[in-house]
Amino acid sequence: MKKLFKLLKKKGYVAVPLYPLPVTDRDTHHYLVEVKINGRSGFFIIDTGSSTTVLNIETAKYFKVKPMTDQPEVEAYGAADVPLDITFTKPVKKLRIGKWKIKGIPLVLMDISHIMQQIDGIEIHGIIGGDILKYGRAIVDYGHDMLYLKKPE
């Protein structure tokens, strides 16, 4: 792990610890990561299969995130090919994962309470999706429970 970290650090990456989700009867092998949005902390699931980053609609006020006033017409579907009710946010001032940060990215607001019910005792605030993972050129080290994100140039 030290060799990988040294190599990636030279390439401008930062290391972020990941926390495996508690094992349940439906072990999904997903990770949690601590995220700060507009200075407020919460736990998000890393989901490489999600195209966008999602914030639980019930926590929008906590993170000081507001919906867009002019919503684009978009049809969104989940893994079960079921239509999803989504709202886009205004670009957030700052989203931070460890020492990595991005400014001005819109998020998707959605009711994810069904996910929160599956993980006892841990409040899940959202999902980190492919938009942020791609922007940060993410590398997930499953063997050492680490996420590496490249600082913007």
C-alpha atoms as a PDB file:
ATOM      1  CA  MET A   1       0.000   0.000   0.000  1.00  0.00           C
ATOM      2  CA  LYS A   2       2.834   2.400   0.794  1.00  0.00           C
ATOM      3  CA  LYS A   3       4.281   1.982  -2.691  1.00  0.00           C
ATOM      4  CA  LEU A   4       0.912   2.652  -4.316  1.00  0.00           C
ATOM      5  CA  PHE A   5       0.318   5.694  -2.121  1.00  0.00           C
ATOM      6  CA  LYS A   6       3.772   7.123  -2.902  1.00  0.00           C
ATOM      7  CA  LEU A   7       3.280   6.622  -6.631  1.00  0.00           C
ATOM      8  CA  LEU A   8      -0.180   8.188  -6.649  1.00  0.00           C
ATOM      9  CA  LYS A   9       0.908  11.062  -4.409  1.00  0.00           C
ATOM     10  CA  LYS A  10       3.580  11.950  -6.983  1.00  0.00           C
ATOM     11  CA  LYS A  11       0.815  11.980  -9.612  1.00  0.00           C
ATOM     12  CA  GLY A  12      -1.265  14.463  -7.564  1.00  0.00           C
ATOM     13  CA  TYR A  13      -3.662  12.067  -5.818  1.00  0.00           C
ATOM     14  CA  VAL A  14      -4.909  12.261  -2.251  1.00  0.00           C
ATOM     15  CA  ALA A  15      -5.813   9.208  -0.154  1.00  0.00           C
ATOM     16  CA  VAL A  16      -9.220   8.963   1.509  1.00  0.00           C
ATOM     17  CA  PRO A  17     -10.139   6.138   3.911  1.00  0.00           C
ATOM     18  CA  LEU A  18     -13.200   4.089   3.053  1.00  0.00           C
ATOM     19  CA  TYR A  19     -15.439   2.331   5.549  1.00  0.00           C
ATOM     20  CA  PRO A  20     -17.015  -0.982   4.500  1.00  0.00           C
ATOM     21  CA  LEU A  21     -20.759  -1.048   5.021  1.00  0.00           C
ATOM     22  CA  PRO A  22     -21.772  -3.271   7.922  1.00  0.00           C
ATOM     23  CA  VAL A  23     -22.414  -6.834   6.799  1.00  0.00           C
ATOM     24  CA  THR A  24     -26.122  -7.525   6.520  1.00  0.00           C
ATOM     25  CA  ASP A  25     -28.196 -10.334   5.100  1.00  0.00           C
ATOM     26  CA  ARG A  26     -27.794  -8.442   1.785  1.00  0.00           C
ATOM     27  CA  ASP A  27     -24.054  -7.745   1.832  1.00  0.00           C
ATOM     28  CA  THR A  28     -23.491  -5.350  -1.065  1.00  0.00           C
ATOM     29  CA  HIS A  29     -19.731  -4.821  -0.650  1.00  0.00           C
ATOM     30  CA  HIS A  30     -20.213  -1.056  -0.833  1.00  0.00           C
ATOM     31  CA  TYR A  31     -18.146   1.527   0.989  1.00  0.00           C
ATOM     32  CA  LEU A  32     -18.992   4.618   2.974  1.00  0.00           C
ATOM     33  CA  VAL A  33     -16.935   7.779   2.754  1.00  0.00           C
ATOM     34  CA  GLU A  34     -17.155  10.951   4.820  1.00  0.00           C
ATOM     35  CA  VAL A  35     -18.094  13.953   2.682  1.00  0.00           C
ATOM     36  CA  LYS A  36     -18.373  17.641   3.521  1.00  0.00           C
ATOM     37  CA  ILE A  37     -20.777  19.798   1.560  1.00  0.00           C
ATOM     38  CA  ASN A  38     -20.772  23.513   2.317  1.00  0.00           C
ATOM     39  CA  GLY A  39     -18.927  22.774   5.575  1.00  0.00           C
ATOM     40  CA  ARG A  40     -21.382  20.104   6.824  1.00  0.00           C
ATOM     41  CA  SER A  41     -20.295  16.454   7.216  1.00  0.00           C
ATOM     42  CA  GLY A  42     -22.153  13.300   6.312  1.00  0.00           C
ATOM     43  CA  PHE A  43     -21.685   9.731   5.140  1.00  0.00           C
ATOM     44  CA  PHE A  44     -22.127   8.807   1.490  1.00  0.00           C
ATOM     45  CA  ILE A  45     -22.068   5.449  -0.268  1.00  0.00           C
ATOM     46  CA  ILE A  46     -19.507   5.044  -3.046  1.00  0.00           C
ATOM     47  CA  ASP A  47     -21.479   3.672  -6.001  1.00  0.00           C
ATOM     48  CA  THR A  48     -19.553   3.214  -9.236  1.00  0.00           C
ATOM     49  CA  GLY A  49     -22.810   2.180 -10.928  1.00  0.00           C
ATOM     50  CA  SER A  50     -24.560   5.478 -10.209  1.00  0.00           C
ATOM     51  CA  SER A  51     -23.990   8.028 -12.954  1.00  0.00           C
ATOM     52  CA  THR A  52     -24.613  11.035 -10.699  1.00  0.00           C
ATOM     53  CA  THR A  53     -24.016  12.069  -7.122  1.00  0.00           C
ATOM     54  CA  VAL A  54     -27.218  12.010  -5.105  1.00  0.00           C
ATOM     55  CA  LEU A  55     -28.130  13.850  -1.926  1.00  0.00           C
ATOM     56  CA  ASN A  56     -31.012  12.573   0.167  1.00  0.00           C
ATOM     57  CA  ILE A  57     -33.758  15.158  -0.313  1.00  0.00           C
ATOM     58  CA  GLU A  58     -34.479  15.144   3.437  1.00  0.00           C
ATOM     59  CA  THR A  59     -30.954  16.438   4.200  1.00  0.00           C
ATOM     60  CA  ALA A  60     -30.806  19.286   1.655  1.00  0.00           C
ATOM     61  CA  LYS A  61     -31.375  21.962   4.311  1.00  0.00           C
ATOM     62  CA  TYR A  62     -28.703  20.494   6.584  1.00  0.00           C
ATOM     63  CA  PHE A  63     -26.138  20.766   3.770  1.00  0.00           C
ATOM     64  CA  LYS A  64     -27.404  24.239   2.754  1.00  0.00           C
ATOM     65  CA  VAL A  65     -28.261  22.988  -0.736  1.00  0.00           C
ATOM     66  CA  LYS A  66     -31.100  24.502  -2.756  1.00  0.00           C
ATOM     67  CA  PRO A  67     -32.980  23.099  -5.738  1.00  0.00           C
ATOM     68  CA  MET A  68     -32.634  24.730  -9.154  1.00  0.00           C
ATOM     69  CA  THR A  69     -35.481  27.033  -9.999  1.00  0.00           C
ATOM     70  CA  ASP A  70     -35.600  26.017 -13.679  1.00  0.00           C
ATOM     71  CA  GLN A  71     -35.522  22.232 -13.717  1.00  0.00           C
ATOM     72  CA  PRO A  72     -34.448  20.535 -16.944  1.00  0.00           C
ATOM     73  CA  GLU A  73     -36.837  17.839 -18.139  1.00  0.00           C
ATOM     74  CA  VAL A  74     -35.018  14.591 -17.466  1.00  0.00           C
ATOM     75  CA  GLU A  75     -36.242  11.036 -17.185  1.00  0.00           C
ATOM     76  CA  ALA A  76     -34.193   9.058 -14.673  1.00  0.00           C
ATOM     77  CA  TYR A  77     -34.325   5.336 -14.024  1.00  0.00           C
ATOM     78  CA  GLY A  78     -32.890   3.180 -11.257  1.00  0.00           C
ATOM     79  CA  ALA A  79     -31.360  -0.265 -11.459  1.00  0.00           C
ATOM     80  CA  ALA A  80     -34.808  -1.909 -11.518  1.00  0.00           C
ATOM     81  CA  ASP A  81     -35.777   0.215 -14.547  1.00  0.00           C
ATOM     82  CA  VAL A  82     -38.274   2.108 -12.384  1.00  0.00           C
ATOM     83  CA  PRO A  83     -38.745   5.846 -13.046  1.00  0.00           C
ATOM     84  CA  LEU A  84     -37.188   8.046 -10.353  1.00  0.00           C
ATOM     85  CA  ASP A  85     -38.433  11.380  -9.066  1.00  0.00           C
ATOM     86  CA  ILE A  86     -35.359  13.638  -9.073  1.00  0.00           C
ATOM     87  CA  THR A  87     -34.581  17.318  -8.654  1.00  0.00           C
ATOM     88  CA  PHE A  88     -31.299  19.021  -9.559  1.00  0.00           C
ATOM     89  CA  THR A  89     -29.632  21.351  -7.094  1.00  0.00           C
ATOM     90  CA  LYS A  90     -28.028  24.675  -7.683  1.00  0.00           C
ATOM     91  CA  PRO A  91     -24.240  24.184  -7.867  1.00  0.00           C
ATOM     92  CA  VAL A  92     -22.852  23.587  -4.369  1.00  0.00           C
ATOM     93  CA  LYS A  93     -20.225  26.007  -3.083  1.00  0.00           C
ATOM     94  CA  LYS A  94     -17.814  23.263  -2.031  1.00  0.00           C
ATOM     95  CA  LEU A  95     -17.858  19.491  -1.831  1.00  0.00           C
ATOM     96  CA  ARG A  96     -14.938  17.921  -0.004  1.00  0.00           C
ATOM     97  CA  ILE A  97     -13.823  14.297   0.308  1.00  0.00           C
ATOM     98  CA  GLY A  98     -10.793  14.159   2.575  1.00  0.00           C
ATOM     99  CA  LYS A  99      -8.349  16.750   1.219  1.00  0.00           C
ATOM    100  CA  TRP A 100      -9.887  16.594  -2.263  1.00  0.00           C
ATOM    101  CA  LYS A 101     -12.473  19.222  -3.213  1.00  0.00           C
ATOM    102  CA  ILE A 102     -14.652  20.372  -6.056  1.00  0.00           C
ATOM    103  CA  LYS A 103     -16.619  23.600  -6.383  1.00  0.00           C
ATOM    104  CA  GLY A 104     -19.738  24.455  -8.319  1.00  0.00           C
ATOM    105  CA  ILE A 105     -21.059  20.972  -9.046  1.00  0.00           C
ATOM    106  CA  PRO A 106     -24.820  20.378  -9.131  1.00  0.00           C
ATOM    107  CA  LEU A 107     -26.157  17.323  -7.311  1.00  0.00           C
ATOM    108  CA  VAL A 108     -29.335  15.311  -7.675  1.00  0.00           C
ATOM    109  CA  LEU A 109     -31.886  15.461  -4.867  1.00  0.00           C
ATOM    110  CA  MET A 110     -33.817  12.249  -4.408  1.00  0.00           C
ATOM    111  CA  ASP A 111     -35.597  10.316  -1.693  1.00  0.00           C
ATOM    112  CA  ILE A 112     -33.157   7.579  -0.686  1.00  0.00           C
ATOM    113  CA  SER A 113     -34.864   6.637   2.582  1.00  0.00           C
ATOM    114  CA  HIS A 114     -35.211   3.051   1.293  1.00  0.00           C
ATOM    115  CA  ILE A 115     -31.405   2.801   1.316  1.00  0.00           C
ATOM    116  CA  MET A 116     -31.135   4.331   4.760  1.00  0.00           C
ATOM    117  CA  GLN A 117     -33.495   1.695   6.196  1.00  0.00           C
ATOM    118  CA  GLN A 118     -31.164  -1.125   5.095  1.00  0.00           C
ATOM    119  CA  ILE A 119     -28.174   0.123   7.100  1.00  0.00           C
ATOM    120  CA  ASP A 120     -28.888  -0.036  10.805  1.00  0.00           C
ATOM    121  CA  GLY A 121     -27.532   2.722  12.977  1.00  0.00           C
ATOM    122  CA  ILE A 122     -25.771   4.691  10.238  1.00  0.00           C
ATOM    123  CA  GLU A 123     -27.381   7.714   8.633  1.00  0.00           C
ATOM    124  CA  ILE A 124     -26.636   7.767   4.926  1.00  0.00           C
ATOM    125  CA  HIS A 125     -26.833  11.260   3.441  1.00  0.00           C
ATOM    126  CA  GLY A 126     -26.212  10.410  -0.186  1.00  0.00           C
ATOM    127  CA  ILE A 127     -24.387   8.552  -2.914  1.00  0.00           C
ATOM    128  CA  ILE A 128     -21.110   9.507  -4.574  1.00  0.00           C
ATOM    129  CA  GLY A 129     -21.576   8.623  -8.225  1.00  0.00           C
ATOM    130  CA  GLY A 130     -19.666   8.450 -11.458  1.00  0.00           C
ATOM    131  CA  ASP A 131     -19.708  12.205 -12.077  1.00  0.00           C
ATOM    132  CA  ILE A 132     -17.442  12.926  -9.109  1.00  0.00           C
ATOM    133  CA  LEU A 133     -15.484   9.682  -9.424  1.00  0.00           C
ATOM    134  CA  LYS A 134     -14.687  10.446 -13.066  1.00  0.00           C
ATOM    135  CA  TYR A 135     -13.779  14.087 -12.363  1.00  0.00           C
ATOM    136  CA  GLY A 136     -11.436  12.959  -9.569  1.00  0.00           C
ATOM    137  CA  ARG A 137     -10.011  10.116 -11.686  1.00  0.00           C
ATOM    138  CA  ALA A 138     -10.906   7.819  -8.796  1.00  0.00           C
ATOM    139  CA  ILE A 139      -8.974   4.697  -7.947  1.00  0.00           C
ATOM    140  CA  VAL A 140     -10.550   2.344  -5.412  1.00  0.00           C
ATOM    141  CA  ASP A 141      -8.084   0.120  -3.563  1.00  0.00           C
ATOM    142  CA  TYR A 142     -10.390  -2.642  -2.335  1.00  0.00           C
ATOM    143  CA  GLY A 143      -7.521  -4.517  -0.679  1.00  0.00           C
ATOM    144  CA  HIS A 144      -6.754  -1.599   1.649  1.00  0.00           C
ATOM    145  CA  ASP A 145     -10.139   0.184   1.852  1.00  0.00           C
ATOM    146  CA  MET A 146      -8.804   3.393   0.309  1.00  0.00           C
ATOM    147  CA  LEU A 147     -10.059   5.817  -2.313  1.00  0.00           C
ATOM    148  CA  TYR A 148      -7.582   7.895  -4.293  1.00  0.00           C
ATOM    149  CA  LEU A 149      -8.739  11.105  -5.980  1.00  0.00           C
ATOM    150  CA  LYS A 150      -6.608  13.301  -8.201  1.00  0.00           C
ATOM    151  CA  LYS A 151      -6.465  16.977  -7.335  1.00  0.00           C
ATOM    152  CA  PRO A 152      -7.740  19.181 -10.191  1.00  0.00           C
ATOM    153  CA  GLU A 153      -4.934  20.679 -12.268  1.00  0.00           C
END
